[in-house]
Protein backbone atom coordinates (compact mmCIF):
# COMPACT_ATOMS: atom_id res chain seq x y z
CA UNK A 1 18.87 -18.53 1.03
CA UNK A 2 19.41 -15.05 0.37
CA UNK A 3 19.55 -15.42 -2.82
CA UNK A 4 16.54 -17.78 -3.08
CA UNK A 5 14.63 -15.04 -1.28
CA UNK A 6 15.56 -12.43 -4.11
CA UNK A 7 14.72 -14.65 -6.69
CA UNK A 8 10.95 -15.20 -5.18
CA UNK A 9 10.97 -11.23 -5.07
CA UNK A 10 12.09 -10.70 -8.57
CA UNK A 11 9.39 -13.52 -10.03
CA UNK A 12 6.83 -12.29 -7.59
CA UNK A 13 7.49 -8.40 -9.58
CA UNK A 14 7.72 -9.86 -12.71
CA UNK A 15 4.45 -12.37 -11.79
CA UNK A 16 2.16 -8.84 -11.27
CA UNK A 17 4.08 -6.61 -14.72
CA UNK A 18 2.96 -9.88 -16.70
CA UNK A 19 -0.34 -9.56 -15.76
CA UNK A 20 -0.56 -5.65 -15.90
CA UNK A 21 0.42 -6.02 -19.14
CA UNK A 22 -2.11 -8.71 -20.53
CA UNK A 23 -4.80 -7.02 -18.57
CA UNK A 24 -4.39 -3.61 -21.06
CA UNK A 25 -5.67 -5.79 -23.65
CA UNK A 26 -8.58 -6.81 -21.95
CA UNK A 27 -9.76 -3.25 -22.24
CA UNK A 28 -12.69 -2.64 -24.58
CA UNK A 29 -11.84 -0.40 -27.73
CA UNK A 30 -15.01 2.11 -27.09
CA UNK A 31 -16.64 3.42 -30.96
CA UNK A 32 -16.27 6.20 -31.66
CA UNK A 33 -19.38 9.23 -32.18
CA UNK A 34 -22.10 7.52 -34.72
CA UNK A 35 -22.27 8.65 -38.42
CA UNK A 36 -24.09 12.28 -38.19
CA UNK A 37 -24.67 11.22 -41.96
CA UNK A 38 -25.50 7.56 -42.47
CA UNK A 39 -25.75 6.25 -45.75
CA UNK A 40 -29.38 5.97 -46.68
CA UNK A 41 -28.84 3.23 -48.93
CA UNK A 42 -27.61 1.36 -46.18
CA UNK A 43 -28.79 -2.32 -45.73
CA UNK A 44 -31.10 -3.08 -42.85
CA UNK A 45 -28.30 -4.83 -41.28
CA UNK A 46 -25.62 -1.76 -41.42
CA UNK A 47 -28.34 -0.10 -40.17
CA UNK A 48 -28.42 -2.01 -37.14
CA UNK A 49 -25.03 -2.00 -36.34
CA UNK A 50 -24.96 1.77 -37.00
CA UNK A 51 -28.11 1.94 -34.44
CA UNK A 52 -25.94 -0.08 -32.10
CA UNK A 53 -22.82 1.30 -32.62
CA UNK A 54 -25.13 4.73 -31.32
CA UNK A 55 -26.54 3.12 -28.91
CA UNK A 56 -23.01 2.01 -27.06
CA UNK A 57 -21.51 5.29 -27.50
CA UNK A 58 -24.31 6.88 -25.79
CA UNK A 59 -24.33 4.25 -22.81
CA UNK A 60 -19.89 4.97 -22.57
CA UNK A 61 -20.50 9.00 -22.63
CA UNK A 62 -23.09 8.58 -19.74
CA UNK A 63 -20.80 5.85 -17.77
CA UNK A 64 -17.49 8.84 -18.63
CA UNK A 65 -19.71 11.67 -16.93
CA UNK A 66 -19.90 9.23 -13.13
CA UNK A 67 -16.53 9.56 -11.78
CA UNK A 68 -17.96 6.51 -9.21
CA UNK A 69 -19.30 4.40 -11.97
CA UNK A 70 -19.04 0.50 -11.11
CA UNK A 71 -16.52 -0.18 -13.79
CA UNK A 72 -17.48 -4.17 -13.73
CA UNK A 73 -19.99 -2.15 -15.39
CA UNK A 74 -18.26 0.23 -17.34
CA UNK A 75 -16.55 -2.94 -19.00
CA UNK A 76 -19.16 -5.02 -19.18
CA UNK A 77 -20.75 -2.66 -21.35
CA UNK A 78 -17.69 -2.64 -23.95
CA UNK A 79 -16.87 0.69 -22.43
CA UNK A 80 -13.63 1.81 -21.32
CA UNK A 81 -13.13 3.75 -17.31
CA UNK A 82 -11.69 7.12 -17.85
CA UNK A 83 -8.46 7.92 -15.83
CA UNK A 84 -10.68 9.56 -13.55
CA UNK A 85 -12.78 6.77 -12.18
CA UNK A 86 -9.50 4.54 -12.59
CA UNK A 87 -7.75 7.05 -9.74
CA UNK A 88 -11.08 7.47 -7.52
CA UNK A 89 -11.13 3.85 -7.43
CA UNK A 90 -7.35 3.45 -6.22
CA UNK A 91 -8.43 6.25 -3.63
CA UNK A 92 -10.65 3.41 -1.99
CA UNK A 93 -8.60 0.96 -0.03
CA UNK A 94 -11.65 -1.18 0.42
CA UNK A 95 -11.81 -0.90 -4.12
CA UNK A 96 -12.99 -3.70 -6.14
CA UNK A 97 -9.38 -3.30 -7.71
CA UNK A 98 -5.80 -5.08 -8.12
CA UNK A 99 -2.62 -2.43 -6.85
CA UNK A 100 1.26 -3.08 -6.55
CA UNK A 101 2.89 -0.41 -4.46
CA UNK A 102 6.31 0.19 -5.31
CA UNK A 103 7.51 2.41 -2.02
CA UNK A 104 11.39 3.80 -1.18
CA UNK A 105 11.22 5.38 2.25
CA UNK A 106 14.33 7.29 2.84
CA UNK A 107 15.01 7.93 6.62
CA UNK A 108 17.23 10.44 8.45
CA UNK A 109 17.92 8.16 11.74
CA UNK A 110 19.30 9.88 14.92
CA UNK A 111 20.80 8.86 17.73
CA UNK A 112 19.11 10.73 20.75
CA UNK A 113 22.48 10.14 23.14
CA UNK A 114 25.38 11.61 21.08
CA UNK A 115 23.03 13.06 17.82
CA UNK A 116 24.69 11.41 15.45
CA UNK A 117 22.79 10.78 12.56
CA UNK A 118 22.98 8.15 9.81
CA UNK A 119 20.62 6.73 6.36
CA UNK A 120 17.90 4.08 6.39
CA UNK A 121 16.28 2.45 3.51
CA UNK A 122 13.28 0.76 3.15
CA UNK A 123 11.98 -0.57 -0.48
CA UNK A 124 8.33 -2.20 0.08
CA UNK A 125 6.15 -3.89 -2.74
CA UNK A 126 2.85 -4.11 -1.26
CA UNK A 127 0.34 -6.25 -3.57
CA UNK A 128 -3.31 -5.75 -2.77
CA UNK A 129 -5.83 -7.70 -4.15
CA UNK A 130 -9.60 -8.42 -3.62
CA UNK A 131 -11.94 -11.63 -3.36
CA UNK A 132 -15.43 -11.60 -3.73
CA UNK A 133 -16.45 -13.93 -0.74
CA UNK A 134 -20.74 -12.96 -1.64
CA UNK A 135 -22.81 -10.43 -2.89
CA UNK A 136 -22.49 -8.33 0.08
CA UNK A 137 -18.90 -9.35 1.78
CA UNK A 138 -15.54 -9.17 -0.08
CA UNK A 139 -11.99 -9.99 1.60
CA UNK A 140 -8.94 -7.32 0.89
CA UNK A 141 -5.97 -9.07 0.40
CA UNK A 142 -2.35 -7.31 0.97
CA UNK A 143 0.98 -8.94 0.65
CA UNK A 144 4.00 -7.22 1.78
CA UNK A 145 7.38 -7.60 0.95
CA UNK A 146 10.27 -5.39 2.59
CA UNK A 147 13.82 -5.12 1.27
CA UNK A 148 15.88 -2.86 3.95
CA UNK A 149 19.05 -1.41 4.02
CA UNK A 150 19.91 -0.40 7.49
CA UNK A 151 22.76 1.28 8.75
CA UNK A 152 23.80 -1.05 11.11
CA UNK A 153 26.79 -3.78 10.97
CA UNK A 154 24.97 -6.96 11.54
CA UNK A 155 28.86 -8.68 12.68
CA UNK A 156 29.25 -5.98 15.29
CA UNK A 157 25.67 -6.52 16.45
CA UNK A 158 26.49 -10.20 16.84
CA UNK A 159 29.26 -9.49 18.97
CA UNK A 160 27.61 -7.01 20.88
CA UNK A 161 24.43 -8.13 21.83
CA UNK A 162 24.11 -11.45 19.94
CA UNK A 163 21.88 -10.34 17.22
CA UNK A 164 19.14 -9.05 19.73
CA UNK A 165 18.45 -5.45 17.22
CA UNK A 166 15.71 -5.34 15.09
CA UNK A 167 13.82 -4.09 12.58
CA UNK A 168 10.34 -4.45 13.87
CA UNK A 169 6.71 -3.68 11.77
CA UNK A 170 7.29 -0.14 10.55
CA UNK A 171 10.36 -0.35 10.05
CA UNK A 172 11.97 1.18 13.27
CA UNK A 173 14.89 -0.58 15.38
CA UNK A 174 13.84 -2.39 18.51
CA UNK A 175 15.84 -2.45 20.98
CA UNK A 176 15.65 -4.85 24.09
CA UNK A 177 14.64 -3.11 27.33
CA UNK A 178 16.65 -5.07 29.63
CA UNK A 179 19.84 -4.10 27.35
CA UNK A 180 21.88 -0.94 27.61
CA UNK A 181 22.14 1.86 24.69
CA UNK A 182 23.69 0.88 22.03
CA UNK A 183 26.72 2.65 21.27
CA UNK A 184 26.71 4.83 18.46
CA UNK A 185 29.93 2.72 16.86
CA UNK A 186 27.36 -0.07 15.85
CA UNK A 187 25.76 2.44 13.08
CA UNK A 188 29.34 1.68 11.34
CA UNK A 189 28.58 -0.52 8.60
CA UNK A 190 25.33 -1.19 6.31
CA UNK A 191 23.32 -4.55 5.97
CA UNK A 192 20.74 -5.13 2.98
CA UNK A 193 18.61 -7.53 1.89
CA UNK A 194 15.38 -9.45 2.27
CA UNK A 195 13.15 -8.24 5.45
CA UNK A 196 10.43 -9.48 6.96
CA UNK A 197 7.06 -10.44 4.93
CA UNK A 198 3.37 -9.40 6.17
CA UNK A 199 -0.39 -10.06 5.41
CA UNK A 200 -3.29 -8.36 6.05
CA UNK A 201 -6.87 -9.59 5.84
CA UNK A 202 -9.72 -7.34 5.71
CA UNK A 203 -13.46 -8.32 5.07
CA UNK A 204 -15.54 -5.48 3.97
CA UNK A 205 -18.75 -4.66 3.29
CA UNK A 206 -19.16 -4.60 -0.37
CA UNK A 207 -21.07 -1.36 -0.61
CA UNK A 208 -19.75 1.38 1.39
CA UNK A 209 -21.91 2.83 4.17
CA UNK A 210 -23.04 6.15 2.29
CA UNK A 211 -23.74 9.67 4.31
CA UNK A 212 -26.14 11.98 4.73
CA UNK A 213 -24.09 14.92 2.67
CA UNK A 214 -22.81 11.94 -0.01
CA UNK A 215 -19.33 11.18 1.41
CA UNK A 216 -19.04 7.63 2.10
CA UNK A 217 -17.64 5.53 4.96
CA UNK A 218 -15.26 2.85 4.77
CA UNK A 219 -14.93 -0.39 7.75
CA UNK A 220 -12.86 -3.44 7.38
CA UNK A 221 -11.73 -5.66 9.84
CA UNK A 222 -9.60 -8.33 10.28
CA UNK A 223 -5.82 -9.77 11.23
CA UNK A 224 -2.74 -9.76 9.78
CA UNK A 225 0.29 -12.20 9.89
CA UNK A 226 4.08 -11.38 9.81
CA UNK A 227 6.51 -14.42 8.82
CA UNK A 228 10.19 -14.53 9.49
CA UNK A 229 12.14 -14.28 6.22
CA UNK A 230 14.39 -11.59 6.50
CA UNK A 231 18.07 -12.72 5.45
CA UNK A 232 20.15 -11.53 8.64
CA UNK A 233 18.86 -10.96 11.87
CA UNK A 234 18.74 -6.90 11.86
CA UNK A 235 16.74 -6.87 8.85
CA UNK A 236 14.27 -8.53 10.71
CA UNK A 237 12.38 -9.83 13.98
CA UNK A 238 13.30 -13.34 14.40
CA UNK A 239 9.18 -13.59 14.76
CA UNK A 240 6.27 -15.07 13.30
CA UNK A 241 3.51 -12.47 14.60
CA UNK A 242 0.03 -12.24 14.08
CA UNK A 243 -2.63 -9.64 15.15
CA UNK A 244 -6.10 -8.00 14.65
CA UNK A 245 -6.47 -5.41 11.86
CA UNK A 246 -9.10 -2.89 10.49
CA UNK A 247 -9.97 0.29 8.52
CA UNK A 248 -11.89 3.36 9.08
CA UNK A 249 -12.05 5.80 6.26
CA UNK A 250 -14.17 9.16 5.75
CA UNK A 251 -14.36 9.54 1.83
CA UNK A 252 -15.61 13.04 0.89
CA UNK A 253 -16.10 14.37 -2.30
CA UNK A 254 -12.74 16.24 -1.76
CA UNK A 255 -11.46 14.84 1.75
CA UNK A 256 -10.45 11.98 2.56
CA UNK A 257 -9.63 10.77 6.26
CA UNK A 258 -8.96 7.74 8.06
CA UNK A 259 -6.73 5.03 9.47
CA UNK A 260 -5.55 1.75 9.27
CA UNK A 261 -4.25 0.10 12.57
CA UNK A 262 -2.61 -3.06 12.73
CA UNK A 263 -1.13 -4.78 15.65
CA UNK A 264 1.71 -7.29 16.14
CA UNK A 265 2.58 -10.20 18.74
CA UNK A 266 4.83 -12.60 18.09
CA UNK A 267 3.79 -16.16 18.88
CA UNK A 268 6.66 -18.14 17.38
CA UNK A 269 10.43 -17.98 15.94
CA UNK A 270 13.88 -17.77 17.92
CA UNK A 271 13.37 -18.05 21.50
CA UNK A 272 16.55 -15.44 22.37
CA UNK A 273 15.58 -12.91 20.20
CA UNK A 274 13.28 -10.27 21.56
CA UNK A 275 9.19 -10.59 21.96
CA UNK A 276 7.31 -8.64 19.94
CA UNK A 277 4.28 -6.34 20.85
CA UNK A 278 4.21 -3.23 18.66
CA UNK A 279 1.07 -1.02 16.62
CA UNK A 280 1.31 0.52 13.67
CA UNK A 281 -1.10 2.85 12.68
CA UNK A 282 -1.63 4.69 9.18
CA UNK A 283 -3.26 7.25 9.59
CA UNK A 284 -4.23 8.81 6.45
CA UNK A 285 -5.77 12.36 5.10
CA UNK A 286 -5.74 13.86 1.89
CA UNK A 287 -7.36 16.34 -0.23
CA UNK A 288 -8.20 16.18 -4.14
CA UNK A 289 -7.15 19.24 -6.10
CA UNK A 290 -8.60 17.25 -8.96
CA UNK A 291 -9.67 14.15 -10.71
CA UNK A 292 -5.94 12.40 -10.58
CA UNK A 293 -4.43 15.19 -8.02
CA UNK A 294 -4.37 14.81 -4.65
CA UNK A 295 -2.32 16.51 -1.66
CA UNK A 296 -1.58 15.24 2.02
CA UNK A 297 -0.02 12.17 3.17
CA UNK A 298 -0.07 8.51 4.89
CA UNK A 299 2.60 8.76 8.02
CA UNK A 300 2.62 5.49 10.41
CA UNK A 301 2.59 6.02 14.23
CA UNK A 302 4.47 3.28 16.04
CA UNK A 303 4.36 2.08 19.46
CA UNK A 304 6.87 -0.24 20.53
CA UNK A 305 4.97 -1.77 23.91
CA UNK A 306 8.17 -3.43 24.94
CA UNK A 307 9.75 0.12 25.45
CA UNK A 308 9.11 2.05 28.33
CA UNK A 309 6.59 5.07 28.03
CA UNK A 310 9.89 7.26 27.30
CA UNK A 311 11.08 5.33 24.41
CA UNK A 312 7.33 4.07 23.48
CA UNK A 313 6.23 6.37 20.76
CA UNK A 314 6.97 7.16 17.19
CA UNK A 315 5.08 9.77 15.75
CA UNK A 316 5.81 11.80 12.38
CA UNK A 317 2.93 13.87 10.46
CA UNK A 318 3.61 15.28 7.07
CA UNK A 319 2.58 16.39 3.09
CA UNK A 320 2.71 15.63 -0.08
CA UNK A 321 1.25 15.41 -3.44
CA UNK A 322 0.25 12.32 -5.59
CA UNK A 323 -1.04 12.01 -9.60
CA UNK A 324 -2.44 9.14 -11.46
CA UNK A 325 -1.00 8.94 -14.99
CA UNK A 326 -2.01 7.20 -17.87
CA UNK A 327 1.01 4.62 -19.42
CA UNK A 328 -0.98 3.25 -22.09
CA UNK A 329 -3.87 1.46 -20.89
CA UNK A 330 -2.59 1.35 -17.54
CA UNK A 331 -3.20 4.06 -14.78
CA UNK A 332 0.02 4.81 -12.70
CA UNK A 333 -0.12 6.79 -9.53
CA UNK A 334 2.89 8.58 -8.39
CA UNK A 335 4.02 10.05 -5.41
CA UNK A 336 5.29 11.99 -3.26
CA UNK A 337 6.06 12.57 0.69
CA UNK A 338 7.96 14.17 3.34
CA UNK A 339 7.42 13.78 6.73
CA UNK A 340 8.87 14.95 10.08
CA UNK A 341 8.95 12.99 13.64
CA UNK A 342 7.10 15.46 16.62
CA UNK A 343 7.36 12.76 19.13
CA UNK A 344 9.94 10.10 19.21
CA UNK A 345 12.07 7.50 22.21
CA UNK A 346 14.23 9.64 24.41
CA UNK A 347 16.49 7.07 24.20
CA UNK A 348 16.55 4.62 21.31
CA UNK A 349 17.36 5.19 17.90
CA UNK A 350 14.81 6.95 15.66
CA UNK A 351 13.76 8.40 12.30
CA UNK A 352 14.12 12.36 12.77
CA UNK A 353 12.39 13.23 9.30
CA UNK A 354 11.60 10.36 6.30
CA UNK A 355 10.98 10.62 2.53
CA UNK A 356 8.40 8.49 1.02
CA UNK A 357 8.67 8.11 -3.07
CA UNK A 358 5.59 5.78 -4.68
CA UNK A 359 4.55 4.18 -7.94
CA UNK A 360 1.28 2.24 -7.86
CA UNK A 361 0.31 1.03 -11.11
CA UNK A 362 -3.48 -0.59 -10.97
CA UNK A 363 -6.24 -2.36 -12.67
CA UNK A 364 -10.33 -3.28 -11.91
CA UNK A 365 -10.79 -6.67 -10.22
CA UNK A 366 -13.24 -6.98 -12.96
CA UNK A 367 -10.56 -8.07 -15.40
CA UNK A 368 -9.62 -10.81 -13.34
CA UNK A 369 -12.07 -13.85 -13.24
CA UNK A 370 -9.90 -15.72 -10.06
CA UNK A 371 -10.81 -12.28 -8.29
CA UNK A 372 -15.23 -12.91 -8.63
């Protein structure tokens, strides 16, 4: 089963990269500037082609000057989006863009009782794509695959707690509230494999709300589903989960602030595993230095309602930088963020600090007919 799931993940990655490669060829080659000295002896047909060439060039230049231009219109006009336009589209989590997030998080985990620390890692592949429902509404789909690496030995956990230590949404260690504290010896080992899979659906207006200052307000709401796909007990919850999800984002000329809120309740799975009742709030704050560079971060505030109030909250703050590059015809965002946990559980192992690195290739959804 473990090899099968790893094969599915590999096929998914290769399939999306193939789509990105094919989409690169769909970008039209823009025409250059019109000939300043047209041939006076040109035939009527050649003269007509020259006039069309000039008209197309002027239209493309007009689109290039508008960073917020509709990229569907840009592509249909035979023009190529600028890197700044693609970067602005990638800033919009509800935008008409397909993206594949490749994200690695490295955590320094600390046992608050003994002070012992260990390293925990998670690779997340998030595939986001919109689907046009009608003229007024879009469905934003987010499919999340995880490959965690935990500083725990599954065999020792099975012996001690019958496998009832879980990695929950947001990649924090969840422990049963009615069990004794975990001995630090349980950190002696490592399990790496496939984690739980999540799907998030957000219904959003196709056009954002434009505020009086010219900024945009983005709103979306929907649901999330968590699937029990972990290859080892410690790498997942052992449960199927579901709950509401919502997003609100303020997008100014320079400042972007908002949050994606998800909640999970378990509704099926292993009855011997711990219940899931958790909120994951990814709050976002970014400042644009230029058209393709931003500073800021997107930490995850985790609330585990199954724990008592002293062990319920994990709140990091952070800072980072990202920049959008162009590789061939494909825009790719690369970023690095650092987080420090300012509120953490009193008696449950949690992250002291963490580092996040991500690479995000993207393409306008207008290139894919099945997204329209």
